[in-house]
C-alpha atoms as a PDB file:
ATOM      1  CA  MET A   1     -50.273 -19.270 -29.390  1.00  0.00           C
ATOM      2  CA  LEU A   2     -48.642 -18.312 -32.667  1.00  0.00           C
ATOM      3  CA  SER A   3     -45.911 -15.693 -32.590  1.00  0.00           C
ATOM      4  CA  GLU A   4     -45.358 -13.360 -35.550  1.00  0.00           C
ATOM      5  CA  PHE A   5     -42.401 -15.397 -36.816  1.00  0.00           C
ATOM      6  CA  SER A   6     -43.997 -18.819 -36.328  1.00  0.00           C
ATOM      7  CA  LEU A   7     -47.095 -17.544 -38.163  1.00  0.00           C
ATOM      8  CA  ILE A   8     -44.994 -16.365 -41.099  1.00  0.00           C
ATOM      9  CA  ASP A   9     -42.959 -19.543 -41.247  1.00  0.00           C
ATOM     10  CA  ARG A  10     -45.868 -21.983 -40.926  1.00  0.00           C
ATOM     11  CA  TYR A  11     -48.282 -20.445 -43.402  1.00  0.00           C
ATOM     12  CA  PHE A  12     -46.133 -18.406 -45.787  1.00  0.00           C
ATOM     13  CA  ALA A  13     -42.365 -18.928 -45.717  1.00  0.00           C
ATOM     14  CA  ARG A  14     -42.429 -22.740 -45.862  1.00  0.00           C
ATOM     15  CA  ARG A  15     -44.846 -22.710 -48.796  1.00  0.00           C
ATOM     16  CA  ALA A  16     -42.816 -20.038 -50.568  1.00  0.00           C
ATOM     17  CA  ARG A  17     -39.652 -22.145 -50.266  1.00  0.00           C
ATOM     18  CA  THR A  18     -41.320 -25.022 -52.127  1.00  0.00           C
ATOM     19  CA  ASN A  19     -41.979 -22.824 -55.171  1.00  0.00           C
ATOM     20  CA  THR A  20     -39.670 -22.436 -58.141  1.00  0.00           C
ATOM     21  CA  ARG A  21     -37.210 -19.771 -57.085  1.00  0.00           C
ATOM     22  CA  ARG A  22     -37.463 -16.655 -59.253  1.00  0.00           C
ATOM     23  CA  ALA A  23     -35.605 -14.324 -56.874  1.00  0.00           C
ATOM     24  CA  ALA A  24     -31.863 -14.473 -56.337  1.00  0.00           C
ATOM     25  CA  LEU A  25     -32.618 -14.124 -52.616  1.00  0.00           C
ATOM     26  CA  GLY A  26     -36.129 -14.507 -51.193  1.00  0.00           C
ATOM     27  CA  ILE A  27     -37.618 -14.804 -47.721  1.00  0.00           C
ATOM     28  CA  GLY A  28     -35.155 -14.929 -44.836  1.00  0.00           C
ATOM     29  CA  ASP A  29     -33.034 -11.790 -45.193  1.00  0.00           C
ATOM     30  CA  ASP A  30     -33.571  -8.070 -44.675  1.00  0.00           C
ATOM     31  CA  CYS A  31     -34.357  -7.611 -48.368  1.00  0.00           C
ATOM     32  CA  ALA A  32     -35.167  -9.849 -51.302  1.00  0.00           C
ATOM     33  CA  LEU A  33     -32.942  -9.653 -54.358  1.00  0.00           C
ATOM     34  CA  ILE A  34     -34.729  -9.889 -57.681  1.00  0.00           C
ATOM     35  CA  ALA A  35     -33.769  -9.015 -61.235  1.00  0.00           C
ATOM     36  CA  PRO A  36     -35.588  -9.304 -64.557  1.00  0.00           C
ATOM     37  CA  ALA A  37     -34.173 -11.179 -67.532  1.00  0.00           C
ATOM     38  CA  ALA A  38     -31.511  -9.462 -69.618  1.00  0.00           C
ATOM     39  CA  GLY A  39     -33.021  -6.687 -71.731  1.00  0.00           C
ATOM     40  CA  GLU A  40     -36.171  -6.401 -69.618  1.00  0.00           C
ATOM     41  CA  MET A  41     -37.363  -3.954 -66.964  1.00  0.00           C
ATOM     42  CA  LEU A  42     -39.125  -4.486 -63.656  1.00  0.00           C
ATOM     43  CA  ALA A  43     -42.856  -3.765 -63.623  1.00  0.00           C
ATOM     44  CA  VAL A  44     -43.962  -2.982 -60.054  1.00  0.00           C
ATOM     45  CA  SER A  45     -47.453  -2.420 -58.648  1.00  0.00           C
ATOM     46  CA  THR A  46     -48.973  -2.183 -55.158  1.00  0.00           C
ATOM     47  CA  ASP A  47     -52.582  -2.658 -54.068  1.00  0.00           C
ATOM     48  CA  MET A  48     -54.191  -2.475 -50.634  1.00  0.00           C
ATOM     49  CA  LEU A  49     -57.369  -4.303 -49.604  1.00  0.00           C
ATOM     50  CA  VAL A  50     -59.175  -3.035 -46.511  1.00  0.00           C
ATOM     51  CA  GLU A  51     -61.937  -4.937 -44.713  1.00  0.00           C
ATOM     52  CA  GLY A  52     -65.297  -3.256 -45.153  1.00  0.00           C
ATOM     53  CA  ARG A  53     -64.049  -1.236 -48.115  1.00  0.00           C
ATOM     54  CA  HIS A  54     -62.773  -3.818 -50.583  1.00  0.00           C
ATOM     55  CA  PHE A  55     -64.275  -6.994 -49.142  1.00  0.00           C
ATOM     56  CA  PHE A  56     -66.999  -8.082 -46.739  1.00  0.00           C
ATOM     57  CA  PRO A  57     -65.899  -9.118 -43.225  1.00  0.00           C
ATOM     58  CA  ASP A  58     -67.396 -12.585 -43.728  1.00  0.00           C
ATOM     59  CA  ILE A  59     -65.649 -13.337 -47.031  1.00  0.00           C
ATOM     60  CA  ALA A  60     -64.198 -16.857 -47.186  1.00  0.00           C
ATOM     61  CA  PRO A  61     -60.458 -16.602 -46.416  1.00  0.00           C
ATOM     62  CA  HIS A  62     -59.551 -18.768 -49.432  1.00  0.00           C
ATOM     63  CA  ALA A  63     -61.364 -16.293 -51.699  1.00  0.00           C
ATOM     64  CA  LEU A  64     -59.644 -13.372 -49.989  1.00  0.00           C
ATOM     65  CA  GLY A  65     -56.216 -14.940 -50.499  1.00  0.00           C
ATOM     66  CA  HIS A  66     -56.998 -15.410 -54.189  1.00  0.00           C
ATOM     67  CA  LYS A  67     -58.357 -11.901 -54.700  1.00  0.00           C
ATOM     68  CA  ALA A  68     -55.531 -10.192 -52.828  1.00  0.00           C
ATOM     69  CA  LEU A  69     -53.008 -11.519 -55.336  1.00  0.00           C
ATOM     70  CA  ALA A  70     -55.328 -11.481 -58.358  1.00  0.00           C
ATOM     71  CA  VAL A  71     -55.853  -7.717 -58.269  1.00  0.00           C
ATOM     72  CA  ASN A  72     -52.084  -7.213 -58.317  1.00  0.00           C
ATOM     73  CA  LEU A  73     -51.453  -9.736 -61.086  1.00  0.00           C
ATOM     74  CA  SER A  74     -54.108  -7.898 -63.081  1.00  0.00           C
ATOM     75  CA  ASP A  75     -51.902  -4.795 -63.068  1.00  0.00           C
ATOM     76  CA  LEU A  76     -49.057  -6.831 -64.559  1.00  0.00           C
ATOM     77  CA  ALA A  77     -51.455  -8.193 -67.184  1.00  0.00           C
ATOM     78  CA  ALA A  78     -52.404  -4.659 -68.184  1.00  0.00           C
ATOM     79  CA  MET A  79     -48.716  -3.872 -68.836  1.00  0.00           C
ATOM     80  CA  GLY A  80     -48.022  -7.107 -70.705  1.00  0.00           C
ATOM     81  CA  ALA A  81     -45.586  -8.100 -67.943  1.00  0.00           C
ATOM     82  CA  LYS A  82     -44.630 -11.611 -66.849  1.00  0.00           C
ATOM     83  CA  PRO A  83     -45.034 -12.209 -63.081  1.00  0.00           C
ATOM     84  CA  LEU A  84     -41.855 -12.759 -61.059  1.00  0.00           C
ATOM     85  CA  GLY A  85     -42.702 -12.396 -57.379  1.00  0.00           C
ATOM     86  CA  PHE A  86     -44.632 -10.506 -54.729  1.00  0.00           C
ATOM     87  CA  THR A  87     -44.446  -9.250 -51.156  1.00  0.00           C
ATOM     88  CA  LEU A  88     -47.262  -9.465 -48.610  1.00  0.00           C
ATOM     89  CA  ALA A  89     -47.780  -7.145 -45.658  1.00  0.00           C
ATOM     90  CA  PHE A  90     -50.885  -7.537 -43.554  1.00  0.00           C
ATOM     91  CA  ALA A  91     -52.513  -6.701 -40.241  1.00  0.00           C
ATOM     92  CA  LEU A  92     -54.615  -9.345 -38.478  1.00  0.00           C
ATOM     93  CA  PRO A  93     -56.957  -8.846 -35.526  1.00  0.00           C
ATOM     94  CA  ARG A  94     -55.912 -12.293 -34.220  1.00  0.00           C
ATOM     95  CA  ALA A  95     -53.867 -15.305 -35.334  1.00  0.00           C
ATOM     96  CA  ASP A  96     -56.638 -17.742 -36.301  1.00  0.00           C
ATOM     97  CA  GLU A  97     -54.938 -20.889 -37.624  1.00  0.00           C
ATOM     98  CA  ASP A  98     -57.921 -22.124 -39.644  1.00  0.00           C
ATOM     99  CA  TRP A  99     -58.282 -18.694 -41.259  1.00  0.00           C
ATOM    100  CA  LEU A 100     -54.556 -18.491 -42.026  1.00  0.00           C
ATOM    101  CA  ALA A 101     -54.499 -21.974 -43.556  1.00  0.00           C
ATOM    102  CA  ALA A 102     -57.383 -21.171 -45.911  1.00  0.00           C
ATOM    103  CA  PHE A 103     -56.106 -17.669 -46.762  1.00  0.00           C
ATOM    104  CA  SER A 104     -52.600 -18.875 -47.584  1.00  0.00           C
ATOM    105  CA  ALA A 105     -54.042 -21.762 -49.647  1.00  0.00           C
ATOM    106  CA  GLY A 106     -56.042 -19.322 -51.793  1.00  0.00           C
ATOM    107  CA  LEU A 107     -53.009 -17.084 -52.153  1.00  0.00           C
ATOM    108  CA  PHE A 108     -50.586 -19.816 -53.175  1.00  0.00           C
ATOM    109  CA  ASP A 109     -53.057 -21.657 -55.407  1.00  0.00           C
ATOM    110  CA  LEU A 110     -53.024 -18.575 -57.634  1.00  0.00           C
ATOM    111  CA  ALA A 111     -49.329 -17.810 -57.129  1.00  0.00           C
ATOM    112  CA  ASP A 112     -48.391 -21.320 -58.244  1.00  0.00           C
ATOM    113  CA  ARG A 113     -50.482 -21.013 -61.406  1.00  0.00           C
ATOM    114  CA  PHE A 114     -48.482 -17.987 -62.496  1.00  0.00           C
ATOM    115  CA  GLU A 115     -45.119 -19.040 -60.996  1.00  0.00           C
ATOM    116  CA  CYS A 116     -45.148 -15.893 -58.885  1.00  0.00           C
ATOM    117  CA  GLU A 117     -42.960 -16.319 -55.806  1.00  0.00           C
ATOM    118  CA  LEU A 118     -43.596 -14.801 -52.375  1.00  0.00           C
ATOM    119  CA  ILE A 119     -40.301 -13.028 -51.663  1.00  0.00           C
ATOM    120  CA  GLY A 120     -40.968 -11.070 -48.471  1.00  0.00           C
ATOM    121  CA  GLY A 121     -43.385  -9.087 -46.347  1.00  0.00           C
ATOM    122  CA  ASP A 122     -44.476  -8.225 -42.837  1.00  0.00           C
ATOM    123  CA  THR A 123     -47.305  -8.860 -40.399  1.00  0.00           C
ATOM    124  CA  THR A 124     -48.687  -7.135 -37.327  1.00  0.00           C
ATOM    125  CA  ALA A 125     -51.794  -7.023 -35.149  1.00  0.00           C
ATOM    126  CA  GLY A 126     -54.609  -4.704 -36.112  1.00  0.00           C
ATOM    127  CA  PRO A 127     -57.805  -4.404 -38.201  1.00  0.00           C
ATOM    128  CA  LEU A 128     -57.684  -6.738 -41.207  1.00  0.00           C
ATOM    129  CA  ASN A 129     -55.719  -4.984 -43.940  1.00  0.00           C
ATOM    130  CA  LEU A 130     -53.742  -6.551 -46.808  1.00  0.00           C
ATOM    131  CA  CYS A 131     -51.078  -4.853 -48.884  1.00  0.00           C
ATOM    132  CA  LEU A 132     -49.322  -6.670 -51.727  1.00  0.00           C
ATOM    133  CA  THR A 133     -46.605  -5.479 -54.064  1.00  0.00           C
ATOM    134  CA  VAL A 134     -46.062  -7.499 -57.219  1.00  0.00           C
ATOM    135  CA  PHE A 135     -43.028  -7.584 -59.499  1.00  0.00           C
ATOM    136  CA  GLY A 136     -42.973  -8.540 -63.164  1.00  0.00           C
ATOM    137  CA  SER A 137     -40.717  -8.148 -66.173  1.00  0.00           C
ATOM    138  CA  VAL A 138     -41.288  -6.720 -69.631  1.00  0.00           C
ATOM    139  CA  ARG A 139     -39.211  -5.200 -72.410  1.00  0.00           C
ATOM    140  CA  GLN A 140     -39.584  -1.426 -72.386  1.00  0.00           C
ATOM    141  CA  ASP A 141     -40.636  -1.381 -76.045  1.00  0.00           C
ATOM    142  CA  ALA A 142     -43.259  -4.114 -75.446  1.00  0.00           C
ATOM    143  CA  ALA A 143     -45.020  -2.642 -72.396  1.00  0.00           C
ATOM    144  CA  LEU A 144     -48.706  -1.782 -72.878  1.00  0.00           C
ATOM    145  CA  ARG A 145     -48.870   1.817 -71.673  1.00  0.00           C
ATOM    146  CA  ARG A 146     -51.836   4.095 -71.108  1.00  0.00           C
ATOM    147  CA  ASP A 147     -50.265   6.883 -73.177  1.00  0.00           C
ATOM    148  CA  ALA A 148     -49.793   4.860 -76.381  1.00  0.00           C
ATOM    149  CA  ALA A 149     -53.310   4.896 -77.874  1.00  0.00           C
ATOM    150  CA  GLN A 150     -53.895   6.609 -81.212  1.00  0.00           C
ATOM    151  CA  ALA A 151     -56.935   8.175 -82.830  1.00  0.00           C
ATOM    152  CA  GLY A 152     -58.773   5.573 -84.892  1.00  0.00           C
ATOM    153  CA  ASP A 153     -57.767   2.686 -82.622  1.00  0.00           C
ATOM    154  CA  ASP A 154     -60.387   0.093 -81.798  1.00  0.00           C
ATOM    155  CA  ILE A 155     -61.337  -0.166 -78.126  1.00  0.00           C
ATOM    156  CA  TRP A 156     -61.619  -3.730 -76.819  1.00  0.00           C
ATOM    157  CA  VAL A 157     -62.587  -5.288 -73.507  1.00  0.00           C
ATOM    158  CA  SER A 158     -62.046  -8.811 -72.236  1.00  0.00           C
ATOM    159  CA  GLY A 159     -64.610 -10.983 -70.479  1.00  0.00           C
ATOM    160  CA  THR A 160     -67.946  -9.580 -69.314  1.00  0.00           C
ATOM    161  CA  PRO A 161     -67.485  -6.434 -67.199  1.00  0.00           C
ATOM    162  CA  GLY A 162     -70.222  -5.725 -64.687  1.00  0.00           C
ATOM    163  CA  ASP A 163     -70.529  -9.148 -63.097  1.00  0.00           C
ATOM    164  CA  ALA A 164     -68.588  -8.177 -59.966  1.00  0.00           C
ATOM    165  CA  ARG A 165     -70.750  -5.088 -59.355  1.00  0.00           C
ATOM    166  CA  ALA A 166     -73.882  -7.145 -59.991  1.00  0.00           C
ATOM    167  CA  GLY A 167     -72.648  -9.616 -57.395  1.00  0.00           C
ATOM    168  CA  LEU A 168     -72.002  -6.812 -54.928  1.00  0.00           C
ATOM    169  CA  GLY A 169     -75.499  -5.414 -55.471  1.00  0.00           C
ATOM    170  CA  MET A 170     -76.989  -8.856 -54.973  1.00  0.00           C
ATOM    171  CA  MET A 171     -75.140  -9.284 -51.685  1.00  0.00           C
ATOM    172  CA  ARG A 172     -76.227  -5.811 -50.564  1.00  0.00           C
ATOM    173  CA  GLY A 173     -79.846  -6.648 -51.357  1.00  0.00           C
ATOM    174  CA  GLU A 174     -80.116  -4.072 -54.160  1.00  0.00           C
ATOM    175  CA  TRP A 175     -81.635  -6.673 -56.510  1.00  0.00           C
ATOM    176  CA  LYS A 176     -82.605 -10.320 -56.474  1.00  0.00           C
ATOM    177  CA  VAL A 177     -81.297 -13.059 -58.763  1.00  0.00           C
ATOM    178  CA  SER A 178     -81.710 -16.817 -59.067  1.00  0.00           C
ATOM    179  CA  GLU A 179     -79.519 -19.143 -57.012  1.00  0.00           C
ATOM    180  CA  GLN A 180     -77.557 -20.123 -60.112  1.00  0.00           C
ATOM    181  CA  ASP A 181     -76.926 -16.490 -61.084  1.00  0.00           C
ATOM    182  CA  ALA A 182     -76.061 -15.679 -57.474  1.00  0.00           C
ATOM    183  CA  ARG A 183     -73.254 -18.275 -57.504  1.00  0.00           C
ATOM    184  CA  SER A 184     -71.913 -16.956 -60.806  1.00  0.00           C
ATOM    185  CA  LEU A 185     -71.983 -13.293 -59.783  1.00  0.00           C
ATOM    186  CA  ARG A 186     -70.525 -13.919 -56.339  1.00  0.00           C
ATOM    187  CA  ARG A 187     -67.644 -15.870 -57.879  1.00  0.00           C
ATOM    188  CA  ALA A 188     -66.974 -12.967 -60.258  1.00  0.00           C
ATOM    189  CA  LEU A 189     -66.724 -10.650 -57.253  1.00  0.00           C
ATOM    190  CA  GLU A 190     -64.632 -12.891 -55.018  1.00  0.00           C
ATOM    191  CA  TYR A 191     -62.503 -14.822 -57.544  1.00  0.00           C
ATOM    192  CA  PRO A 192     -61.508 -12.392 -60.318  1.00  0.00           C
ATOM    193  CA  GLU A 193     -59.328 -13.960 -63.012  1.00  0.00           C
ATOM    194  CA  PRO A 194     -56.206 -11.913 -63.826  1.00  0.00           C
ATOM    195  CA  ARG A 195     -55.752 -11.827 -67.613  1.00  0.00           C
ATOM    196  CA  VAL A 196     -52.003 -12.364 -67.489  1.00  0.00           C
ATOM    197  CA  ALA A 197     -51.816 -14.717 -70.482  1.00  0.00           C
ATOM    198  CA  LEU A 198     -53.912 -12.345 -72.604  1.00  0.00           C
ATOM    199  CA  GLY A 199     -51.714  -9.393 -71.635  1.00  0.00           C
ATOM    200  CA  LEU A 200     -48.606 -11.304 -72.701  1.00  0.00           C
ATOM    201  CA  ALA A 201     -50.256 -12.358 -75.981  1.00  0.00           C
ATOM    202  CA  LEU A 202     -51.202  -8.744 -76.763  1.00  0.00           C
ATOM    203  CA  ARG A 203     -47.618  -7.477 -76.669  1.00  0.00           C
ATOM    204  CA  GLY A 204     -46.816  -6.156 -80.122  1.00  0.00           C
ATOM    205  CA  VAL A 205     -50.521  -6.266 -81.028  1.00  0.00           C
ATOM    206  CA  ALA A 206     -52.288  -3.799 -78.717  1.00  0.00           C
ATOM    207  CA  ARG A 207     -51.111  -0.234 -78.183  1.00  0.00           C
ATOM    208  CA  ALA A 208     -52.525   0.873 -74.821  1.00  0.00           C
ATOM    209  CA  ALA A 209     -54.147  -1.092 -72.003  1.00  0.00           C
ATOM    210  CA  LEU A 210     -55.325  -0.981 -68.414  1.00  0.00           C
ATOM    211  CA  ASP A 211     -57.265  -3.251 -66.109  1.00  0.00           C
ATOM    212  CA  VAL A 212     -60.851  -2.419 -65.202  1.00  0.00           C
ATOM    213  CA  SER A 213     -60.765  -2.038 -61.437  1.00  0.00           C
ATOM    214  CA  ASP A 214     -62.836   1.102 -60.838  1.00  0.00           C
ATOM    215  CA  GLY A 215     -65.403   0.821 -63.642  1.00  0.00           C
ATOM    216  CA  LEU A 216     -64.987   0.807 -67.420  1.00  0.00           C
ATOM    217  CA  ALA A 217     -66.216   4.399 -67.888  1.00  0.00           C
ATOM    218  CA  GLY A 218     -63.892   5.792 -65.232  1.00  0.00           C
ATOM    219  CA  ASP A 219     -60.868   3.676 -66.103  1.00  0.00           C
ATOM    220  CA  LEU A 220     -61.072   4.351 -69.854  1.00  0.00           C
ATOM    221  CA  ARG A 221     -60.740   8.056 -69.091  1.00  0.00           C
ATOM    222  CA  HIS A 222     -57.240   7.348 -67.733  1.00  0.00           C
ATOM    223  CA  VAL A 223     -56.209   6.203 -71.228  1.00  0.00           C
ATOM    224  CA  LEU A 224     -57.904   9.246 -72.754  1.00  0.00           C
ATOM    225  CA  GLU A 225     -56.078  11.593 -70.391  1.00  0.00           C
ATOM    226  CA  ARG A 226     -52.668  10.027 -70.923  1.00  0.00           C
ATOM    227  CA  SER A 227     -53.066   9.632 -74.695  1.00  0.00           C
ATOM    228  CA  ARG A 228     -54.832  13.015 -75.117  1.00  0.00           C
ATOM    229  CA  LEU A 229     -57.759  11.523 -76.991  1.00  0.00           C
ATOM    230  CA  GLY A 230     -61.509  11.023 -76.798  1.00  0.00           C
ATOM    231  CA  ALA A 231     -63.620   7.919 -77.371  1.00  0.00           C
ATOM    232  CA  THR A 232     -66.904   6.763 -78.858  1.00  0.00           C
ATOM    233  CA  ILE A 233     -68.474   3.700 -77.233  1.00  0.00           C
ATOM    234  CA  ASP A 234     -71.221   1.504 -78.700  1.00  0.00           C
ATOM    235  CA  VAL A 235     -73.211   0.685 -75.566  1.00  0.00           C
ATOM    236  CA  ASP A 236     -75.115  -2.080 -77.340  1.00  0.00           C
ATOM    237  CA  ALA A 237     -71.824  -3.863 -78.080  1.00  0.00           C
ATOM    238  CA  LEU A 238     -71.009  -4.305 -74.392  1.00  0.00           C
ATOM    239  CA  PRO A 239     -70.559  -8.030 -73.647  1.00  0.00           C
ATOM    240  CA  LEU A 240     -72.938  -9.200 -70.924  1.00  0.00           C
ATOM    241  CA  SER A 241     -72.928 -12.477 -69.057  1.00  0.00           C
ATOM    242  CA  PRO A 242     -76.233 -14.384 -68.992  1.00  0.00           C
ATOM    243  CA  ALA A 243     -76.618 -13.509 -65.299  1.00  0.00           C
ATOM    244  CA  LEU A 244     -76.159  -9.773 -65.872  1.00  0.00           C
ATOM    245  CA  ALA A 245     -78.360  -9.830 -68.990  1.00  0.00           C
ATOM    246  CA  ARG A 246     -81.284 -11.036 -66.848  1.00  0.00           C
ATOM    247  CA  LEU A 247     -81.213  -7.856 -64.756  1.00  0.00           C
ATOM    248  CA  PRO A 248     -83.006  -4.617 -65.802  1.00  0.00           C
ATOM    249  CA  ARG A 249     -81.317  -2.595 -68.558  1.00  0.00           C
ATOM    250  CA  ASP A 250     -80.440   0.332 -66.305  1.00  0.00           C
ATOM    251  CA  VAL A 251     -78.760  -2.069 -63.858  1.00  0.00           C
ATOM    252  CA  GLN A 252     -76.878  -3.725 -66.714  1.00  0.00           C
ATOM    253  CA  LEU A 253     -75.419  -0.405 -67.860  1.00  0.00           C
ATOM    254  CA  GLN A 254     -74.554   0.821 -64.385  1.00  0.00           C
ATOM    255  CA  CYS A 255     -72.778  -2.439 -63.574  1.00  0.00           C
ATOM    256  CA  ALA A 256     -71.018  -2.882 -66.917  1.00  0.00           C
ATOM    257  CA  LEU A 257     -69.873   0.724 -67.310  1.00  0.00           C
ATOM    258  CA  ALA A 258     -69.336   1.984 -63.769  1.00  0.00           C
ATOM    259  CA  GLY A 259     -69.253  -1.061 -61.527  1.00  0.00           C
ATOM    260  CA  GLY A 260     -65.589  -1.827 -60.943  1.00  0.00           C
ATOM    261  CA  ASP A 261     -63.838  -4.835 -59.390  1.00  0.00           C
ATOM    262  CA  ASP A 262     -63.912  -6.819 -62.653  1.00  0.00           C
ATOM    263  CA  TYR A 263     -60.154  -6.811 -63.400  1.00  0.00           C
ATOM    264  CA  GLU A 264     -60.783  -7.368 -67.085  1.00  0.00           C
ATOM    265  CA  LEU A 265     -58.501  -5.723 -69.645  1.00  0.00           C
ATOM    266  CA  CYS A 266     -59.559  -2.700 -71.672  1.00  0.00           C
ATOM    267  CA  PHE A 267     -57.127  -2.058 -74.518  1.00  0.00           C
ATOM    268  CA  THR A 268     -56.747  -0.321 -77.856  1.00  0.00           C
ATOM    269  CA  ALA A 269     -55.331  -1.622 -81.123  1.00  0.00           C
ATOM    270  CA  ALA A 270     -55.180  -0.465 -84.723  1.00  0.00           C
ATOM    271  CA  PRO A 271     -58.051  -1.712 -86.913  1.00  0.00           C
ATOM    272  CA  ALA A 272     -55.463  -3.614 -88.970  1.00  0.00           C
ATOM    273  CA  GLN A 273     -54.772  -5.732 -85.861  1.00  0.00           C
ATOM    274  CA  ARG A 274     -58.324  -7.060 -85.448  1.00  0.00           C
ATOM    275  CA  GLY A 275     -57.379 -10.510 -86.661  1.00  0.00           C
ATOM    276  CA  ALA A 276     -54.312 -10.601 -84.424  1.00  0.00           C
ATOM    277  CA  VAL A 277     -56.351  -9.513 -81.377  1.00  0.00           C
ATOM    278  CA  GLU A 278     -58.940 -12.209 -81.998  1.00  0.00           C
ATOM    279  CA  ALA A 279     -56.225 -14.825 -82.565  1.00  0.00           C
ATOM    280  CA  ALA A 280     -54.476 -13.871 -79.302  1.00  0.00           C
ATOM    281  CA  ALA A 281     -57.754 -14.092 -77.386  1.00  0.00           C
ATOM    282  CA  GLN A 282     -58.665 -17.420 -78.947  1.00  0.00           C
ATOM    283  CA  GLN A 283     -55.219 -18.786 -78.147  1.00  0.00           C
ATOM    284  CA  GLU A 284     -55.664 -17.906 -74.480  1.00  0.00           C
ATOM    285  CA  GLY A 285     -59.325 -18.918 -74.283  1.00  0.00           C
ATOM    286  CA  VAL A 286     -60.512 -15.415 -73.368  1.00  0.00           C
ATOM    287  CA  ARG A 287     -63.495 -13.603 -74.833  1.00  0.00           C
ATOM    288  CA  VAL A 288     -62.731 -10.145 -76.250  1.00  0.00           C
ATOM    289  CA  THR A 289     -65.225  -7.660 -77.684  1.00  0.00           C
ATOM    290  CA  ARG A 290     -64.710  -4.525 -79.765  1.00  0.00           C
ATOM    291  CA  ILE A 291     -66.819  -1.793 -78.137  1.00  0.00           C
ATOM    292  CA  GLY A 292     -65.679   1.514 -79.614  1.00  0.00           C
ATOM    293  CA  THR A 293     -63.132   3.805 -81.235  1.00  0.00           C
ATOM    294  CA  MET A 294     -60.537   6.285 -80.014  1.00  0.00           C
ATOM    295  CA  THR A 295     -61.166   9.783 -81.388  1.00  0.00           C
ATOM    296  CA  SER A 296     -59.216  13.036 -81.657  1.00  0.00           C
ATOM    297  CA  ARG A 297     -59.872  15.839 -79.189  1.00  0.00           C
ATOM    298  CA  THR A 298     -61.176  19.179 -80.372  1.00  0.00           C
ATOM    299  CA  SER A 299     -58.158  20.765 -78.666  1.00  0.00           C
ATOM    300  CA  PRO A 300     -55.215  19.462 -76.590  1.00  0.00           C
ATOM    301  CA  GLN A 301     -56.559  21.355 -73.565  1.00  0.00           C
ATOM    302  CA  ALA A 302     -60.063  19.863 -73.794  1.00  0.00           C
ATOM    303  CA  ALA A 303     -61.178  17.454 -71.103  1.00  0.00           C
ATOM    304  CA  PRO A 304     -61.363  13.803 -72.187  1.00  0.00           C
ATOM    305  CA  GLN A 305     -64.847  12.979 -73.415  1.00  0.00           C
ATOM    306  CA  ILE A 306     -66.631   9.676 -74.052  1.00  0.00           C
ATOM    307  CA  ALA A 307     -69.488   9.778 -76.562  1.00  0.00           C
ATOM    308  CA  TRP A 308     -72.033   7.054 -75.822  1.00  0.00           C
ATOM    309  CA  ARG A 309     -73.933   5.613 -78.812  1.00  0.00           C
ATOM    310  CA  ASP A 310     -76.373   2.787 -79.440  1.00  0.00           C
ATOM    311  CA  ALA A 311     -75.889   0.230 -82.228  1.00  0.00           C
ATOM    312  CA  GLY A 312     -77.540   2.572 -84.727  1.00  0.00           C
ATOM    313  CA  GLY A 313     -75.244   5.463 -83.837  1.00  0.00           C
ATOM    314  CA  THR A 314     -77.850   7.432 -81.887  1.00  0.00           C
ATOM    315  CA  PRO A 315     -76.278   9.489 -79.058  1.00  0.00           C
ATOM    316  CA  LEU A 316     -77.148   8.406 -75.507  1.00  0.00           C
ATOM    317  CA  ASN A 317     -77.142  10.650 -72.475  1.00  0.00           C
ATOM    318  CA  LEU A 318     -75.536   8.553 -69.736  1.00  0.00           C
ATOM    319  CA  THR A 319     -74.400   9.842 -66.360  1.00  0.00           C
ATOM    320  CA  LEU A 320     -71.872   7.406 -64.958  1.00  0.00           C
ATOM    321  CA  GLN A 321     -69.321   7.603 -62.184  1.00  0.00           C
ATOM    322  CA  GLY A 322     -66.523   5.106 -61.673  1.00  0.00           C
ATOM    323  CA  PHE A 323     -65.579   3.844 -58.223  1.00  0.00           C
ATOM    324  CA  ASP A 324     -63.851   6.299 -55.874  1.00  0.00           C
ATOM    325  CA  HIS A 325     -62.021   4.804 -52.880  1.00  0.00           C
ATOM    326  CA  PHE A 326     -62.749   7.877 -50.746  1.00  0.00           C
ATOM    327  CA  HIS A 327     -66.473   8.015 -51.377  1.00  0.00           C
ATOM    328  CA  ALA A 328     -69.261   5.477 -50.964  1.00  0.00           C
ATOM    329  CA  ASP A 329     -70.308   3.558 -54.063  1.00  0.00           C
END
């Protein structure tokens, strides 16, 4: 039977030691020691994934390992930060060696791609619960912050938001799709791609950014609140994957605007930077789409408002609610 320390060593510490060392001191001491490059600051983010809330109990452990790190790397991407390392703390109902082998493989497959070193953590018995903290580095003047948008900025989004929510609805039986679309949508839900390279390429080009984790409509309001602005969104400009485009229009909009779990980047940039944004996206092989404009508020005290329009500029009355971790979707 695996003990706590043999579990850590067999599936996590040994693999971590084979990686390129980014920390001055990693696994094996009371604390890890890590420092960014000269002139840069640490970017730090923590995310928790709870069984039954953030993932289905029967999710493949390889997919869970990938997603657990991907959602954290996505936060670094949104800041334009380069990954350095991460910690992993988790509770397991039992030490299943097959499960641990697949989970750690999914975790390190992604960690190796981004040269992000596991530098510490903890494990205990209990209901399945994963908590990762990721560390990155970025110059203070290059960080993509939520409070840096300006009126007149273009609003952009990467990828095709809504696929993850469409996959969740499919798995819940809310709608039916073809087998081919089912594979595509399920992969979007279980294997999100953190846009780290795009975030790095947008430094000095974009002004404000965040990752779409709780739905585009809800997450964009965080930028509006911090930058004290409003927004106008062209709903017909929303990029849809072929699988999502085959669902009814009301499902498309609900998934694309309020679905969550996509981990795409939503960012703003001056209109003069359109060519630079498109060049950065092309360089990294990522689709980006201009979907709207940042607008001034009627007063500094006014609540942030999003005006929804169709391609012809006609106002649309949409009632959307982003994901809330304390209420059912």
